């Protein structure tokens, strides 16, 4: 299940990105005293009072502008609002209430989503600094100073109080996002799986404008398939409708349990395909690379091996990938990678395996010091996440971490799923 999403919205230069960076715990958004700096949505995962969530920063909303950039920012903010559980509406306590604030407030009311009104840049609280914001009709304004970290806890307390309803409403179906470049055959594949013409299928790229959810069952298991518009390079995005579709596709990846990357076999894996699957990898989603239009390829006895070798070369950063040369009429391969991503290893078995693996293939030494793994534990699934308690985190070289990932995957069957390894330092006893 995807974490509930908190969206930060408001007009430009009210301190949204500063708040986002405080919650995320690291500087992710660019914060400049200039409107329009944060153009794309930025996501981060966080936790407050035991509640895990995702938070998204958006560009400033200028509803009256006809400039293409501001239209695009408005569209991507609308996507964030649509997919959020709760919205943080930021206003500027120093500048005071503006006409734009009223316009954004009206837009948020129409969303029917819970809205928390956050008055930023209140370094020293006084009631008269926030009183005028009651006129927005969005309830009690919460004063904060994002720059100095004041009031952030109060805002998060209010935000997480809305999560219980979201958690109760969430269905238990396996959510499959079908992503890829335009005209790779995504909608045709979805229609084949579902058995009816649900999406319009033409040779015009971008026919499927939005992400469309359809629930179905196969072999007694519930699925929700999310068909998305084709993801293009930004240089090819010529209008805000196309831009909106790109943003929705990335949201589909974020909330999916499994992703199908559909590739046109007649074209092969392109740079843009690699970027898309890279985003899937970064989000920690199990995935299947579906080589579509395989019937159009002239084949001999070595064709599939040549294609597979090319995939291995292009996807070196995620050597756990699973490929399927289109026979996706059933959900079998999807079920497999989903199960692998949710697999859990007993702590005793895991520790024995890690000890044996490290003993058989010792890590290299650096300046006379060698990595020691004292204890290990699996702390999460989807993706499978393991904590290693070690003498020094600096001694875990990337190449040895990759070796441990591959050993875990091959021994316990985490095929098609990324693996996360986290280190915690523990002094020698």
Protein backbone atom coordinates (compact mmCIF):
# COMPACT_ATOMS: atom_id res chain seq x y z
CA UNK A 1 0.00 0.00 0.00
CA UNK A 2 1.37 3.41 -0.96
CA UNK A 3 2.01 5.82 1.88
CA UNK A 4 -0.66 8.51 2.32
CA UNK A 5 0.38 11.68 0.51
CA UNK A 6 0.57 15.20 1.92
CA UNK A 7 0.65 17.95 -0.74
CA UNK A 8 2.13 21.40 -0.09
CA UNK A 9 0.51 24.08 -2.26
CA UNK A 10 0.24 27.84 -2.39
CA UNK A 11 1.24 30.81 -4.45
CA UNK A 12 4.94 31.46 -5.24
CA UNK A 13 7.50 32.36 -2.61
CA UNK A 14 5.53 31.57 0.55
CA UNK A 15 8.12 29.08 1.91
CA UNK A 16 6.69 25.76 0.73
CA UNK A 17 10.07 24.31 -0.24
CA UNK A 18 11.69 25.37 3.04
CA UNK A 19 8.99 23.48 4.95
CA UNK A 20 9.35 20.48 2.63
CA UNK A 21 13.11 20.34 3.23
CA UNK A 22 12.62 20.50 7.01
CA UNK A 23 10.19 17.58 6.95
CA UNK A 24 12.28 15.58 4.47
CA UNK A 25 15.35 16.13 6.65
CA UNK A 26 17.56 17.12 3.76
CA UNK A 27 17.72 19.86 1.17
CA UNK A 28 15.81 18.53 -1.84
CA UNK A 29 13.89 21.54 -3.13
CA UNK A 30 15.77 24.57 -4.42
CA UNK A 31 14.84 27.49 -2.19
CA UNK A 32 15.37 30.88 -3.77
CA UNK A 33 13.65 34.20 -3.18
CA UNK A 34 12.30 34.12 -6.71
CA UNK A 35 8.95 32.78 -7.96
CA UNK A 36 8.87 29.78 -10.27
CA UNK A 37 11.97 28.02 -8.94
CA UNK A 38 10.18 24.77 -7.98
CA UNK A 39 8.61 23.78 -11.29
CA UNK A 40 8.18 20.04 -10.85
CA UNK A 41 6.78 18.13 -7.93
CA UNK A 42 9.35 16.68 -5.56
CA UNK A 43 8.54 13.72 -3.33
CA UNK A 44 10.07 12.54 -0.07
CA UNK A 45 9.15 9.83 2.43
CA UNK A 46 8.91 10.78 6.09
CA UNK A 47 7.44 9.65 9.40
CA UNK A 48 5.71 11.48 12.22
CA UNK A 49 4.52 9.91 15.49
CA UNK A 50 4.83 6.43 14.01
CA UNK A 51 2.88 7.33 10.86
CA UNK A 52 4.75 6.88 7.57
CA UNK A 53 3.76 9.19 4.73
CA UNK A 54 4.98 10.80 1.53
CA UNK A 55 5.13 14.56 1.11
CA UNK A 56 5.15 16.42 -2.19
CA UNK A 57 6.35 19.95 -2.89
CA UNK A 58 4.77 21.86 -5.76
CA UNK A 59 5.50 25.01 -7.69
CA UNK A 60 3.74 28.22 -6.79
CA UNK A 61 0.25 28.57 -8.28
CA UNK A 62 -0.55 31.64 -10.39
CA UNK A 63 -4.12 31.04 -11.55
CA UNK A 64 -4.53 34.17 -13.69
CA UNK A 65 -1.30 33.90 -15.70
CA UNK A 66 -1.44 32.84 -19.38
CA UNK A 67 2.28 32.01 -19.42
CA UNK A 68 2.91 28.36 -20.42
CA UNK A 69 5.25 27.73 -17.49
CA UNK A 70 2.65 28.88 -14.94
CA UNK A 71 -0.02 26.78 -16.67
CA UNK A 72 2.21 23.73 -16.35
CA UNK A 73 2.92 24.46 -12.70
CA UNK A 74 -0.84 24.76 -12.08
CA UNK A 75 -1.43 21.40 -13.80
CA UNK A 76 1.18 19.55 -11.78
CA UNK A 77 -0.17 21.13 -8.59
CA UNK A 78 -3.63 19.86 -9.56
CA UNK A 79 -2.22 16.34 -9.86
CA UNK A 80 -0.70 16.61 -6.39
CA UNK A 81 -4.03 17.87 -4.98
CA UNK A 82 -5.95 15.08 -6.70
CA UNK A 83 -3.73 12.30 -5.31
CA UNK A 84 -3.18 13.75 -1.82
CA UNK A 85 -4.93 12.65 1.35
CA UNK A 86 -4.52 16.08 2.93
CA UNK A 87 -3.36 19.47 1.59
CA UNK A 88 -1.17 22.02 3.36
CA UNK A 89 -2.14 25.44 1.99
CA UNK A 90 0.75 27.85 2.60
CA UNK A 91 0.30 31.61 2.88
CA UNK A 92 2.79 34.36 3.73
CA UNK A 93 2.39 35.83 7.22
CA UNK A 94 4.79 38.70 6.50
CA UNK A 95 3.22 39.81 3.25
CA UNK A 96 -0.33 39.23 4.44
CA UNK A 97 -3.43 38.10 2.60
CA UNK A 98 -3.55 38.56 -1.18
CA UNK A 99 -6.10 38.16 -3.96
CA UNK A 100 -4.14 35.12 -5.19
CA UNK A 101 -4.60 33.46 -1.79
CA UNK A 102 -8.38 33.76 -2.15
CA UNK A 103 -8.21 32.27 -5.66
CA UNK A 104 -6.11 29.30 -4.54
CA UNK A 105 -8.40 28.78 -1.53
CA UNK A 106 -11.41 28.57 -3.87
CA UNK A 107 -9.61 25.98 -6.00
CA UNK A 108 -8.80 23.89 -2.93
CA UNK A 109 -12.38 24.01 -1.68
CA UNK A 110 -13.53 22.56 -5.00
CA UNK A 111 -11.15 19.60 -4.51
CA UNK A 112 -13.25 18.40 -1.53
CA UNK A 113 -9.99 17.38 0.18
CA UNK A 114 -9.06 18.24 3.79
CA UNK A 115 -7.08 21.50 3.80
CA UNK A 116 -4.82 22.74 6.60
CA UNK A 117 -4.13 26.47 6.41
CA UNK A 118 -0.48 27.19 7.25
CA UNK A 119 0.65 30.78 7.83
CA UNK A 120 4.41 30.78 7.28
CA UNK A 121 7.13 33.28 8.22
CA UNK A 122 5.69 33.90 11.71
CA UNK A 123 8.95 34.08 13.64
CA UNK A 124 7.30 35.46 16.78
CA UNK A 125 3.64 34.56 17.24
CA UNK A 126 1.03 37.24 17.74
CA UNK A 127 -2.69 36.69 17.18
CA UNK A 128 -3.05 39.77 14.97
CA UNK A 129 -0.50 38.28 12.51
CA UNK A 130 -2.80 35.41 11.58
CA UNK A 131 -6.27 36.81 12.30
CA UNK A 132 -6.93 38.10 8.75
CA UNK A 133 -6.42 34.60 7.29
CA UNK A 134 -9.65 33.36 8.93
CA UNK A 135 -11.43 35.18 6.08
CA UNK A 136 -10.24 32.44 3.66
CA UNK A 137 -12.88 30.18 5.22
CA UNK A 138 -10.52 27.23 5.69
CA UNK A 139 -10.62 26.95 9.45
CA UNK A 140 -8.00 27.88 12.03
CA UNK A 141 -4.71 29.17 10.58
CA UNK A 142 -1.63 27.42 12.00
CA UNK A 143 1.36 29.76 12.45
CA UNK A 144 4.81 28.39 11.55
CA UNK A 145 8.31 29.55 10.80
CA UNK A 146 9.59 26.91 8.39
CA UNK A 147 13.00 28.56 8.27
CA UNK A 148 13.44 28.28 12.04
CA UNK A 149 11.54 25.00 12.45
CA UNK A 150 8.78 26.49 14.60
CA UNK A 151 5.26 25.05 14.52
CA UNK A 152 6.09 22.20 12.13
CA UNK A 153 5.06 19.56 14.67
CA UNK A 154 1.62 21.13 15.11
CA UNK A 155 1.05 21.03 11.34
CA UNK A 156 2.12 17.39 11.09
CA UNK A 157 -0.05 16.42 14.08
CA UNK A 158 -3.04 17.84 12.24
CA UNK A 159 -2.05 16.25 8.92
CA UNK A 160 -1.59 12.68 10.17
CA UNK A 161 -4.98 12.82 11.92
CA UNK A 162 -6.55 12.38 8.45
CA UNK A 163 -4.66 9.17 7.66
CA UNK A 164 -6.96 6.73 9.46
CA UNK A 165 -9.81 7.23 6.97
CA UNK A 166 -7.38 6.77 4.07
CA UNK A 167 -6.01 3.54 5.55
CA UNK A 168 -9.52 2.16 6.07
CA UNK A 169 -10.59 3.00 2.53
CA UNK A 170 -7.53 1.52 0.84
CA UNK A 171 -8.35 -1.68 -1.05
CA UNK A 172 -6.20 -4.80 -0.88
CA UNK A 173 -5.87 -5.41 -4.60
CA UNK A 174 -2.44 -5.66 -6.25
CA UNK A 175 -1.99 -2.39 -8.14
CA UNK A 176 -0.22 -2.68 -11.49
CA UNK A 177 1.01 0.47 -13.25
CA UNK A 178 1.49 0.05 -17.00
CA UNK A 179 4.06 2.63 -18.10
CA UNK A 180 6.25 3.36 -21.08
CA UNK A 181 6.76 5.63 -24.06
CA UNK A 182 3.81 6.64 -26.25
CA UNK A 183 2.69 4.07 -28.81
CA UNK A 184 4.56 1.19 -27.18
CA UNK A 185 1.29 -0.73 -26.95
CA UNK A 186 0.33 -0.18 -23.31
CA UNK A 187 -3.41 0.17 -23.89
CA UNK A 188 -3.47 -2.78 -26.27
CA UNK A 189 -1.80 -4.88 -23.57
CA UNK A 190 -4.26 -3.67 -20.92
CA UNK A 191 -7.21 -4.47 -23.18
CA UNK A 192 -5.81 -7.95 -23.77
CA UNK A 193 -5.47 -8.57 -20.04
CA UNK A 194 -8.93 -7.22 -19.25
CA UNK A 195 -10.58 -8.81 -22.25
CA UNK A 196 -12.45 -5.73 -23.46
CA UNK A 197 -11.81 -2.42 -25.19
CA UNK A 198 -11.44 -0.22 -22.12
CA UNK A 199 -8.88 2.24 -23.58
CA UNK A 200 -8.99 3.88 -26.99
CA UNK A 201 -6.24 2.25 -29.05
CA UNK A 202 -4.92 4.14 -32.07
CA UNK A 203 -1.55 4.79 -33.67
CA UNK A 204 -1.61 8.40 -32.46
CA UNK A 205 0.86 8.83 -29.60
CA UNK A 206 -0.74 10.02 -26.38
CA UNK A 207 -4.29 8.79 -27.01
CA UNK A 208 -4.61 7.71 -23.38
CA UNK A 209 -4.37 11.10 -21.71
CA UNK A 210 -4.84 10.15 -18.07
CA UNK A 211 -4.10 7.29 -15.73
CA UNK A 212 -7.21 5.07 -15.63
CA UNK A 213 -7.80 2.52 -12.85
CA UNK A 214 -9.69 -0.69 -13.57
CA UNK A 215 -10.21 -3.42 -11.01
CA UNK A 216 -10.38 -7.05 -12.12
CA UNK A 217 -9.77 -10.51 -10.72
CA UNK A 218 -7.69 -13.40 -11.98
CA UNK A 219 -7.39 -16.86 -10.45
CA UNK A 220 -9.12 -15.67 -7.27
CA UNK A 221 -6.84 -12.65 -6.73
CA UNK A 222 -7.92 -9.00 -6.99
CA UNK A 223 -5.91 -6.59 -9.14
CA UNK A 224 -6.18 -2.94 -10.08
CA UNK A 225 -4.53 -2.09 -13.37
CA UNK A 226 -3.48 1.51 -13.96
CA UNK A 227 -3.15 2.40 -17.63
CA UNK A 228 -1.14 5.59 -18.10
CA UNK A 229 -0.43 8.00 -20.89
CA UNK A 230 2.91 7.56 -22.60
CA UNK A 231 5.82 9.25 -20.85
CA UNK A 232 7.76 11.49 -23.23
CA UNK A 233 10.95 13.43 -22.84
CA UNK A 234 10.24 16.91 -21.49
CA UNK A 235 11.56 18.48 -24.70
CA UNK A 236 8.74 16.67 -26.53
CA UNK A 237 6.03 17.95 -24.20
CA UNK A 238 4.40 20.62 -26.29
CA UNK A 239 1.28 21.47 -24.32
CA UNK A 240 0.05 21.44 -20.76
CA UNK A 241 -2.33 18.53 -21.41
CA UNK A 242 0.61 16.32 -22.34
CA UNK A 243 2.56 17.64 -19.34
CA UNK A 244 -0.39 16.75 -17.10
CA UNK A 245 -0.36 13.19 -18.48
CA UNK A 246 3.36 12.80 -17.75
CA UNK A 247 2.83 13.89 -14.15
CA UNK A 248 -0.04 11.42 -13.70
CA UNK A 249 2.08 8.59 -15.04
CA UNK A 250 4.74 9.19 -12.41
CA UNK A 251 2.03 9.31 -9.74
CA UNK A 252 0.81 5.92 -11.00
CA UNK A 253 4.30 4.49 -10.44
CA UNK A 254 4.40 5.91 -6.93
CA UNK A 255 1.14 4.25 -5.85
CA UNK A 256 1.64 0.95 -7.68
CA UNK A 257 2.65 -2.36 -6.14
CA UNK A 258 4.12 -3.66 -9.41
CA UNK A 259 5.11 -1.82 -12.60
CA UNK A 260 5.02 -3.12 -16.15
CA UNK A 261 7.41 -1.22 -18.41
CA UNK A 262 6.12 -1.78 -21.93
CA UNK A 263 8.81 -1.53 -24.61
CA UNK A 264 8.30 -1.59 -28.37
CA UNK A 265 10.47 -4.54 -29.46
CA UNK A 266 10.71 -3.17 -33.00
CA UNK A 267 12.44 -0.07 -31.61
CA UNK A 268 14.24 -1.63 -28.66
CA UNK A 269 15.02 -0.15 -25.27
CA UNK A 270 15.59 3.58 -25.73
CA UNK A 271 17.20 6.16 -23.47
CA UNK A 272 13.76 7.32 -22.37
CA UNK A 273 12.69 3.74 -21.53
CA UNK A 274 15.81 3.46 -19.37
CA UNK A 275 14.91 6.69 -17.56
CA UNK A 276 11.39 5.42 -16.89
CA UNK A 277 12.56 2.11 -15.47
CA UNK A 278 15.18 4.06 -13.51
CA UNK A 279 12.34 6.00 -11.85
CA UNK A 280 10.58 2.71 -11.07
CA UNK A 281 13.84 1.43 -9.54
CA UNK A 282 14.28 4.60 -7.45
CA UNK A 283 10.76 4.19 -6.10
CA UNK A 284 11.65 0.64 -4.99
CA UNK A 285 8.92 -1.02 -7.04
CA UNK A 286 9.10 -4.61 -8.31
CA UNK A 287 8.77 -4.61 -12.07
CA UNK A 288 8.56 -6.59 -15.28
CA UNK A 289 10.03 -5.36 -18.57
CA UNK A 290 7.45 -6.33 -21.21
CA UNK A 291 8.92 -6.53 -24.70
CA UNK A 292 5.82 -5.85 -26.76
CA UNK A 293 5.16 -6.43 -30.50
CA UNK A 294 7.40 -9.51 -30.34
CA UNK A 295 5.40 -11.03 -33.21
CA UNK A 296 6.81 -8.34 -35.54
CA UNK A 297 10.44 -9.36 -34.92
CA UNK A 298 12.17 -11.62 -37.43
CA UNK A 299 13.59 -14.41 -35.30
CA UNK A 300 16.19 -17.12 -35.34
CA UNK A 301 17.49 -19.43 -32.62
CA UNK A 302 19.58 -16.68 -30.98
CA UNK A 303 17.20 -13.69 -31.27
CA UNK A 304 15.80 -13.78 -27.74
CA UNK A 305 19.30 -14.22 -26.26
CA UNK A 306 20.54 -11.20 -28.20
CA UNK A 307 17.63 -9.09 -26.90
CA UNK A 308 18.21 -10.32 -23.36
CA UNK A 309 21.93 -9.52 -23.50
CA UNK A 310 21.10 -6.00 -24.70
CA UNK A 311 18.67 -5.54 -21.80
CA UNK A 312 21.31 -6.71 -19.32
CA UNK A 313 23.73 -4.14 -20.72
CA UNK A 314 21.23 -1.26 -20.70
CA UNK A 315 19.81 -2.11 -17.26
CA UNK A 316 23.06 -2.80 -15.41
CA UNK A 317 21.88 -0.57 -12.56
CA UNK A 318 19.07 -3.04 -11.78
CA UNK A 319 20.36 -6.47 -12.67
CA UNK A 320 17.41 -8.06 -10.85
CA UNK A 321 15.02 -7.12 -13.67
CA UNK A 322 12.59 -9.67 -15.08
CA UNK A 323 11.65 -9.57 -18.75
CA UNK A 324 8.67 -10.98 -20.58
CA UNK A 325 8.49 -11.39 -24.35
CA UNK A 326 4.83 -10.68 -24.58
CA UNK A 327 2.61 -13.34 -23.27
CA UNK A 328 1.00 -11.27 -20.56
CA UNK A 329 -2.49 -12.72 -21.02
CA UNK A 330 -2.33 -13.88 -17.40
CA UNK A 331 -1.13 -12.20 -14.23
CA UNK A 332 1.34 -14.97 -13.41
CA UNK A 333 4.59 -13.01 -13.75
CA UNK A 334 3.08 -10.00 -12.01
CA UNK A 335 2.00 -12.22 -9.11
CA UNK A 336 5.53 -13.64 -8.87
CA UNK A 337 7.36 -10.32 -8.58
CA UNK A 338 4.71 -8.99 -6.18
CA UNK A 339 5.17 -12.05 -3.93
CA UNK A 340 8.96 -11.68 -4.11
CA UNK A 341 8.79 -8.04 -3.07
CA UNK A 342 6.69 -8.99 -0.03
CA UNK A 343 8.79 -11.98 1.01
CA UNK A 344 10.19 -11.95 4.56
CA UNK A 345 13.18 -13.95 5.87
CA UNK A 346 13.24 -15.16 9.46
CA UNK A 347 15.90 -13.36 11.48
CA UNK A 348 17.77 -16.53 12.47
CA UNK A 349 17.90 -17.79 8.89
CA UNK A 350 19.04 -14.37 7.66
CA UNK A 351 21.85 -14.10 10.21
CA UNK A 352 23.13 -17.57 9.41
CA UNK A 353 23.08 -16.75 5.70
CA UNK A 354 24.87 -13.40 6.08
CA UNK A 355 27.51 -14.93 8.37
CA UNK A 356 28.18 -17.80 5.96
CA UNK A 357 28.28 -15.47 2.95
CA UNK A 358 30.71 -13.01 4.57
CA UNK A 359 32.89 -15.87 5.84
CA UNK A 360 33.07 -17.44 2.37
CA UNK A 361 33.68 -14.10 0.58
CA UNK A 362 35.32 -11.66 2.95
CA UNK A 363 34.97 -7.96 2.17
CA UNK A 364 38.16 -6.14 1.13
CA UNK A 365 40.16 -4.33 3.79
CA UNK A 366 40.78 -0.57 3.75
CA UNK A 367 43.78 0.90 5.60
CA UNK A 368 44.08 -2.29 7.60
CA UNK A 369 40.39 -2.34 8.59
CA UNK A 370 37.78 -4.81 7.41
CA UNK A 371 33.99 -4.72 7.52
CA UNK A 372 32.43 -6.81 10.32
CA UNK A 373 28.73 -7.68 10.28
CA UNK A 374 27.53 -8.37 13.82
CA UNK A 375 23.83 -8.83 13.24
CA UNK A 376 21.23 -8.45 10.49
CA UNK A 377 17.48 -8.10 10.33
CA UNK A 378 14.81 -7.60 7.68
CA UNK A 379 12.88 -4.50 8.68
CA UNK A 380 10.51 -4.01 5.72
CA UNK A 381 9.07 -5.47 2.55
CA UNK A 382 8.12 -3.91 -0.81
CA UNK A 383 11.00 -3.43 -1.33
CA UNK A 384 12.72 -5.97 0.95
CA UNK A 385 14.89 -3.90 3.29
CA UNK A 386 17.68 -5.27 5.47
CA UNK A 387 19.61 -3.60 8.29
CA UNK A 388 23.20 -4.71 8.88
CA UNK A 389 24.77 -3.79 12.21
CA UNK A 390 28.46 -3.26 11.38
CA UNK A 391 31.65 -1.92 12.90
CA UNK A 392 31.88 0.95 10.37
CA UNK A 393 29.42 1.90 7.64
CA UNK A 394 32.26 3.43 5.60
CA UNK A 395 33.78 -0.03 5.13
CA UNK A 396 30.77 -1.32 3.16
CA UNK A 397 31.93 -0.62 -0.40
CA UNK A 398 29.32 -0.29 -3.12
CA UNK A 399 30.63 -3.37 -4.92
CA UNK A 400 30.37 -5.53 -1.79
CA UNK A 401 26.88 -4.21 -1.07
CA UNK A 402 25.89 -5.23 -4.60
CA UNK A 403 27.44 -8.66 -3.95
CA UNK A 404 25.29 -9.09 -0.82
CA UNK A 405 22.18 -7.96 -2.72
CA UNK A 406 22.80 -10.52 -5.45
CA UNK A 407 23.48 -13.26 -2.90
CA UNK A 408 20.20 -12.53 -1.10
CA UNK A 409 18.27 -12.39 -4.37
CA UNK A 410 19.61 -15.65 -5.78
CA UNK A 411 19.29 -17.58 -2.51
CA UNK A 412 15.87 -16.39 -1.37
CA UNK A 413 14.18 -15.64 -4.72
CA UNK A 414 13.77 -11.87 -4.70
CA UNK A 415 13.69 -11.84 -8.51
CA UNK A 416 12.16 -8.79 -10.13
CA UNK A 417 12.32 -6.75 -6.91
CA UNK A 418 14.88 -4.20 -5.75
CA UNK A 419 16.59 -4.83 -2.41
CA UNK A 420 17.61 -2.14 0.08
CA UNK A 421 20.54 -2.59 2.49
CA UNK A 422 20.90 -0.14 5.37
CA UNK A 423 23.87 -0.07 7.77
CA UNK A 424 23.90 0.81 11.47
CA UNK A 425 27.21 1.19 13.31
CA UNK A 426 27.87 -0.83 16.47
CA UNK A 427 31.15 -0.52 18.29
CA UNK A 428 33.39 -3.53 18.75
CA UNK A 429 32.71 -5.28 22.00
